[in-house]
Amino acid sequence: MGTGRGSTGPKSKSKKKGYKKSMLSVMRRSMDIDQIQQEMLDIASGVRSADAYRDEDAPGAGQHFCIPCSRHFVGAGDLAAHVASKGHRKRVKLLAQPMYTQAEADAGAGLQVAVRK
């Protein structure tokens, strides 16, 4: 009676095969460098505390968090191994660069900033 094509039941497959793969990059997206730099400035100035990153639903009850990489770890040993890793060192090196400002973006786009009097 049917070849299985065009099924509309609950077990039918999606017509767009690459949808799930295309959504993985969005679901696993980490925070951008400028967002992490702003959070680190907030912690240093006292606007936000480091305890704000504790999340009961995160691995290890949110006790072991790497702020530069924005990742939770199960235990202190895992966090220590992560801190010694190449990926963490690369992220810290990126965070050491000065923040990119809106004035810098405007200058790069060729916009002239009007001086307010």
N, C-alpha and C. Protein backbone atom coordinates (compact mmCIF):
# COMPACT_ATOMS: atom_id res chain seq x y z
N MET A 1 0.80 -1.18 0.00
CA MET A 1 0.00 0.00 0.00
C MET A 1 0.85 1.26 0.00
N GLY A 2 1.91 1.23 0.72
CA GLY A 2 2.74 2.41 0.74
C GLY A 2 4.21 2.02 0.78
N THR A 3 5.04 2.94 0.38
CA THR A 3 6.47 2.68 0.35
C THR A 3 7.15 3.29 1.56
N GLY A 4 6.38 3.95 2.41
CA GLY A 4 6.98 4.59 3.58
C GLY A 4 7.29 6.05 3.35
N ARG A 5 7.16 6.51 2.15
CA ARG A 5 7.44 7.91 1.84
C ARG A 5 6.21 8.76 2.12
N GLY A 6 6.45 9.95 2.61
CA GLY A 6 5.36 10.87 2.82
C GLY A 6 4.57 10.60 4.08
N SER A 7 5.09 9.82 4.96
CA SER A 7 4.41 9.50 6.20
C SER A 7 4.29 10.75 7.06
N THR A 8 3.16 10.91 7.70
CA THR A 8 2.96 12.08 8.55
C THR A 8 2.77 11.68 10.00
N GLY A 9 2.99 10.45 10.32
CA GLY A 9 2.79 9.96 11.68
C GLY A 9 3.88 10.44 12.63
N PRO A 10 3.79 10.03 13.89
CA PRO A 10 4.76 10.48 14.89
C PRO A 10 6.16 9.93 14.66
N LYS A 11 6.30 8.87 13.87
CA LYS A 11 7.62 8.29 13.63
C LYS A 11 8.23 8.76 12.31
N SER A 12 7.60 9.74 11.67
CA SER A 12 8.14 10.21 10.40
C SER A 12 9.42 11.00 10.64
N LYS A 13 10.32 10.93 9.69
CA LYS A 13 11.59 11.62 9.79
C LYS A 13 11.48 13.01 9.20
N SER A 14 12.33 13.86 9.64
CA SER A 14 12.33 15.23 9.13
C SER A 14 12.75 15.25 7.68
N LYS A 15 12.16 16.14 6.93
CA LYS A 15 12.52 16.28 5.53
C LYS A 15 13.90 16.89 5.37
N LYS A 16 14.26 17.75 6.31
CA LYS A 16 15.54 18.43 6.24
C LYS A 16 16.56 17.63 7.05
N LYS A 17 17.39 16.87 6.37
CA LYS A 17 18.30 15.95 7.04
C LYS A 17 19.39 16.66 7.83
N GLY A 18 19.86 17.81 7.36
CA GLY A 18 20.97 18.49 8.02
C GLY A 18 20.55 19.42 9.13
N TYR A 19 19.27 19.43 9.51
CA TYR A 19 18.80 20.38 10.53
C TYR A 19 19.47 20.15 11.87
N LYS A 20 19.52 18.90 12.30
CA LYS A 20 20.09 18.62 13.61
C LYS A 20 21.58 18.98 13.66
N LYS A 21 22.31 18.67 12.59
CA LYS A 21 23.74 19.01 12.55
C LYS A 21 23.94 20.52 12.52
N SER A 22 23.07 21.23 11.83
CA SER A 22 23.24 22.67 11.75
C SER A 22 22.94 23.34 13.08
N MET A 23 22.13 22.73 13.92
CA MET A 23 21.78 23.33 15.20
C MET A 23 22.84 23.06 16.28
N LEU A 24 23.75 22.12 16.07
CA LEU A 24 24.76 21.81 17.07
C LEU A 24 25.67 23.00 17.34
N SER A 25 26.00 23.76 16.33
CA SER A 25 26.89 24.90 16.54
C SER A 25 26.22 25.98 17.37
N VAL A 26 24.92 26.08 17.29
CA VAL A 26 24.19 27.07 18.08
C VAL A 26 24.02 26.59 19.52
N MET A 27 23.74 25.31 19.70
CA MET A 27 23.50 24.78 21.03
C MET A 27 24.77 24.75 21.87
N ARG A 28 25.90 24.50 21.26
CA ARG A 28 27.15 24.37 22.00
C ARG A 28 28.01 25.63 21.94
N ARG A 29 27.42 26.74 21.59
CA ARG A 29 28.16 27.98 21.44
C ARG A 29 28.62 28.49 22.79
N SER A 30 29.88 28.84 22.88
CA SER A 30 30.40 29.39 24.13
C SER A 30 30.31 30.91 24.08
N MET A 31 30.61 31.54 25.20
CA MET A 31 30.52 33.00 25.27
C MET A 31 31.63 33.63 24.44
N ASP A 32 31.36 34.80 23.93
CA ASP A 32 32.35 35.53 23.14
C ASP A 32 33.39 36.17 24.06
N ILE A 33 34.53 36.51 23.47
CA ILE A 33 35.65 37.06 24.23
C ILE A 33 35.27 38.37 24.91
N ASP A 34 34.54 39.24 24.23
CA ASP A 34 34.19 40.53 24.84
C ASP A 34 33.22 40.36 26.00
N GLN A 35 32.35 39.37 25.94
CA GLN A 35 31.44 39.11 27.05
C GLN A 35 32.21 38.61 28.28
N ILE A 36 33.18 37.74 28.06
CA ILE A 36 33.97 37.22 29.17
C ILE A 36 34.83 38.32 29.77
N GLN A 37 35.41 39.18 28.91
CA GLN A 37 36.21 40.30 29.42
C GLN A 37 35.36 41.22 30.29
N GLN A 38 34.12 41.48 29.89
CA GLN A 38 33.25 42.34 30.68
C GLN A 38 32.90 41.69 32.01
N GLU A 39 32.66 40.38 32.02
CA GLU A 39 32.37 39.69 33.27
C GLU A 39 33.57 39.71 34.21
N MET A 40 34.78 39.54 33.64
CA MET A 40 35.97 39.58 34.48
C MET A 40 36.18 40.97 35.07
N LEU A 41 35.86 42.00 34.30
CA LEU A 41 35.93 43.37 34.84
C LEU A 41 34.91 43.58 35.95
N ASP A 42 33.71 43.02 35.78
CA ASP A 42 32.68 43.14 36.81
C ASP A 42 33.09 42.45 38.11
N ILE A 43 33.75 41.30 37.99
CA ILE A 43 34.21 40.59 39.18
C ILE A 43 35.32 41.36 39.86
N ALA A 44 36.25 41.90 39.08
CA ALA A 44 37.38 42.64 39.65
C ALA A 44 36.92 43.93 40.34
N SER A 45 35.89 44.59 39.78
CA SER A 45 35.42 45.84 40.37
C SER A 45 34.43 45.61 41.50
N GLY A 46 33.96 44.39 41.69
CA GLY A 46 33.05 44.10 42.79
C GLY A 46 31.59 44.21 42.42
N VAL A 47 31.28 44.46 41.16
CA VAL A 47 29.88 44.55 40.73
C VAL A 47 29.22 43.17 40.81
N ARG A 48 29.98 42.15 40.48
CA ARG A 48 29.48 40.78 40.50
C ARG A 48 30.46 39.90 41.26
N SER A 49 29.94 38.94 42.01
CA SER A 49 30.84 38.07 42.76
C SER A 49 31.10 36.78 41.98
N ALA A 50 32.18 36.11 42.32
CA ALA A 50 32.51 34.85 41.64
C ALA A 50 31.54 33.75 42.04
N ASP A 51 30.84 33.92 43.16
CA ASP A 51 29.85 32.92 43.59
C ASP A 51 28.60 32.94 42.72
N ALA A 52 28.45 33.93 41.87
CA ALA A 52 27.28 34.02 41.00
C ALA A 52 27.27 32.91 39.96
N TYR A 53 28.39 32.25 39.76
CA TYR A 53 28.49 31.19 38.75
C TYR A 53 28.13 29.82 39.29
N ARG A 54 27.80 29.75 40.54
CA ARG A 54 27.40 28.46 41.12
C ARG A 54 26.00 28.11 40.64
N ASP A 55 25.89 26.95 40.04
CA ASP A 55 24.62 26.49 39.51
C ASP A 55 24.42 25.05 39.97
N GLU A 56 23.34 24.80 40.67
CA GLU A 56 23.09 23.46 41.21
C GLU A 56 22.90 22.41 40.11
N ASP A 57 22.45 22.82 38.96
CA ASP A 57 22.20 21.87 37.87
C ASP A 57 23.45 21.60 37.03
N ALA A 58 24.51 22.38 37.21
CA ALA A 58 25.74 22.21 36.45
C ALA A 58 26.55 21.04 37.02
N PRO A 59 27.49 20.52 36.25
CA PRO A 59 28.34 19.43 36.76
C PRO A 59 29.08 19.84 38.03
N GLY A 60 29.14 18.93 39.00
CA GLY A 60 29.82 19.21 40.26
C GLY A 60 29.09 20.25 41.08
N ALA A 61 27.79 20.39 40.88
CA ALA A 61 26.95 21.38 41.58
C ALA A 61 27.46 22.80 41.35
N GLY A 62 28.19 23.02 40.27
CA GLY A 62 28.62 24.36 39.90
C GLY A 62 29.73 24.92 40.77
N GLN A 63 30.43 24.08 41.51
CA GLN A 63 31.47 24.57 42.41
C GLN A 63 32.79 24.83 41.70
N HIS A 64 33.03 24.16 40.60
CA HIS A 64 34.31 24.27 39.89
C HIS A 64 34.04 24.89 38.52
N PHE A 65 34.29 26.19 38.41
CA PHE A 65 33.97 26.94 37.19
C PHE A 65 35.21 27.66 36.70
N CYS A 66 35.47 27.57 35.41
CA CYS A 66 36.58 28.30 34.78
C CYS A 66 35.99 29.53 34.12
N ILE A 67 36.26 30.70 34.68
CA ILE A 67 35.67 31.95 34.17
C ILE A 67 36.17 32.28 32.76
N PRO A 68 37.47 32.19 32.46
CA PRO A 68 37.91 32.52 31.10
C PRO A 68 37.29 31.64 30.02
N CYS A 69 37.07 30.38 30.31
CA CYS A 69 36.51 29.46 29.31
C CYS A 69 35.00 29.31 29.44
N SER A 70 34.43 29.80 30.53
CA SER A 70 33.01 29.73 30.80
C SER A 70 32.52 28.27 30.79
N ARG A 71 33.22 27.42 31.57
CA ARG A 71 32.90 26.00 31.64
C ARG A 71 32.85 25.53 33.08
N HIS A 72 31.93 24.59 33.36
CA HIS A 72 31.82 23.96 34.67
C HIS A 72 32.54 22.62 34.62
N PHE A 73 33.13 22.21 35.76
CA PHE A 73 33.82 20.93 35.84
C PHE A 73 33.31 20.15 37.05
N VAL A 74 33.44 18.83 36.99
CA VAL A 74 32.91 17.96 38.03
C VAL A 74 33.70 18.11 39.32
N GLY A 75 35.02 18.13 39.24
CA GLY A 75 35.84 18.19 40.44
C GLY A 75 37.02 19.14 40.30
N ALA A 76 37.70 19.31 41.42
CA ALA A 76 38.86 20.21 41.43
C ALA A 76 40.00 19.66 40.58
N GLY A 77 40.14 18.34 40.53
CA GLY A 77 41.18 17.73 39.70
C GLY A 77 40.95 17.98 38.22
N ASP A 78 39.68 17.90 37.82
CA ASP A 78 39.35 18.17 36.42
C ASP A 78 39.61 19.63 36.07
N LEU A 79 39.30 20.52 36.99
CA LEU A 79 39.55 21.94 36.76
C LEU A 79 41.05 22.21 36.68
N ALA A 80 41.83 21.57 37.55
CA ALA A 80 43.29 21.75 37.52
C ALA A 80 43.88 21.23 36.21
N ALA A 81 43.36 20.10 35.72
CA ALA A 81 43.84 19.56 34.45
C ALA A 81 43.46 20.49 33.30
N HIS A 82 42.29 21.09 33.40
CA HIS A 82 41.86 22.03 32.36
C HIS A 82 42.72 23.28 32.34
N VAL A 83 43.06 23.79 33.52
CA VAL A 83 43.88 25.00 33.61
C VAL A 83 45.26 24.77 32.98
N ALA A 84 45.75 23.55 33.05
CA ALA A 84 47.05 23.23 32.46
C ALA A 84 46.96 22.90 30.98
N SER A 85 45.75 22.89 30.42
CA SER A 85 45.58 22.47 29.02
C SER A 85 45.90 23.60 28.05
N LYS A 86 46.13 23.21 26.81
CA LYS A 86 46.48 24.14 25.75
C LYS A 86 45.30 25.06 25.40
N GLY A 87 44.10 24.51 25.40
CA GLY A 87 42.93 25.31 25.07
C GLY A 87 42.69 26.44 26.06
N HIS A 88 42.90 26.16 27.35
CA HIS A 88 42.73 27.19 28.38
C HIS A 88 43.79 28.28 28.21
N ARG A 89 45.01 27.88 27.94
CA ARG A 89 46.09 28.87 27.78
C ARG A 89 45.82 29.77 26.56
N LYS A 90 45.27 29.20 25.48
CA LYS A 90 44.93 30.00 24.31
C LYS A 90 43.84 31.02 24.65
N ARG A 91 42.84 30.60 25.43
CA ARG A 91 41.74 31.48 25.79
C ARG A 91 42.24 32.62 26.68
N VAL A 92 43.13 32.31 27.62
CA VAL A 92 43.68 33.35 28.50
C VAL A 92 44.50 34.34 27.70
N LYS A 93 45.22 33.86 26.69
CA LYS A 93 46.00 34.75 25.84
C LYS A 93 45.10 35.69 25.05
N LEU A 94 43.96 35.18 24.56
CA LEU A 94 43.00 36.02 23.86
C LEU A 94 42.39 37.07 24.79
N LEU A 95 42.14 36.68 26.03
CA LEU A 95 41.54 37.60 26.99
C LEU A 95 42.51 38.68 27.44
N ALA A 96 43.81 38.47 27.26
CA ALA A 96 44.81 39.45 27.67
C ALA A 96 44.85 40.64 26.71
N GLN A 97 44.29 40.49 25.53
CA GLN A 97 44.26 41.59 24.57
C GLN A 97 43.29 42.67 25.06
N PRO A 98 43.53 43.92 24.66
CA PRO A 98 42.62 44.99 25.09
C PRO A 98 41.23 44.81 24.47
N MET A 99 40.23 45.30 25.19
CA MET A 99 38.85 45.17 24.73
C MET A 99 38.61 46.00 23.47
N TYR A 100 37.77 45.50 22.63
CA TYR A 100 37.39 46.17 21.39
C TYR A 100 36.24 47.11 21.71
N THR A 101 36.38 48.39 21.47
CA THR A 101 35.37 49.37 21.85
C THR A 101 34.53 49.80 20.65
N GLN A 102 33.43 50.45 20.93
CA GLN A 102 32.55 50.94 19.87
C GLN A 102 33.23 52.05 19.08
N ALA A 103 34.02 52.89 19.75
CA ALA A 103 34.75 53.96 19.05
C ALA A 103 35.74 53.37 18.05
N GLU A 104 36.37 52.27 18.43
CA GLU A 104 37.31 51.60 17.53
C GLU A 104 36.58 51.01 16.32
N ALA A 105 35.39 50.47 16.55
CA ALA A 105 34.59 49.92 15.46
C ALA A 105 34.14 51.02 14.50
N ASP A 106 33.73 52.16 15.06
CA ASP A 106 33.32 53.28 14.21
C ASP A 106 34.48 53.80 13.37
N ALA A 107 35.65 53.88 13.97
CA ALA A 107 36.83 54.35 13.24
C ALA A 107 37.20 53.37 12.13
N GLY A 108 37.04 52.08 12.39
CA GLY A 108 37.35 51.08 11.37
C GLY A 108 36.37 51.11 10.21
N ALA A 109 35.12 51.54 10.49
CA ALA A 109 34.10 51.62 9.45
C ALA A 109 34.19 52.92 8.68
N GLY A 110 35.05 53.84 9.12
CA GLY A 110 35.20 55.11 8.43
C GLY A 110 34.23 56.18 8.88
N LEU A 111 33.57 55.93 10.01
CA LEU A 111 32.64 56.92 10.53
C LEU A 111 33.39 57.94 11.38
N GLN A 112 33.02 59.17 11.24
CA GLN A 112 33.64 60.20 12.07
C GLN A 112 32.74 60.44 13.27
N VAL A 113 33.35 60.49 14.41
CA VAL A 113 32.62 60.70 15.63
C VAL A 113 32.54 62.20 15.88
N ALA A 114 31.32 62.71 16.05
CA ALA A 114 31.15 64.15 16.30
C ALA A 114 31.55 64.46 17.74
N VAL A 115 32.27 65.52 17.91
CA VAL A 115 32.70 65.93 19.25
C VAL A 115 31.58 66.75 19.87
N ARG A 116 31.14 66.31 21.04
CA ARG A 116 30.07 67.02 21.73
C ARG A 116 30.64 68.16 22.55
N LYS A 117 29.95 69.27 22.50
CA LYS A 117 30.40 70.45 23.25
C LYS A 117 29.53 70.71 24.43
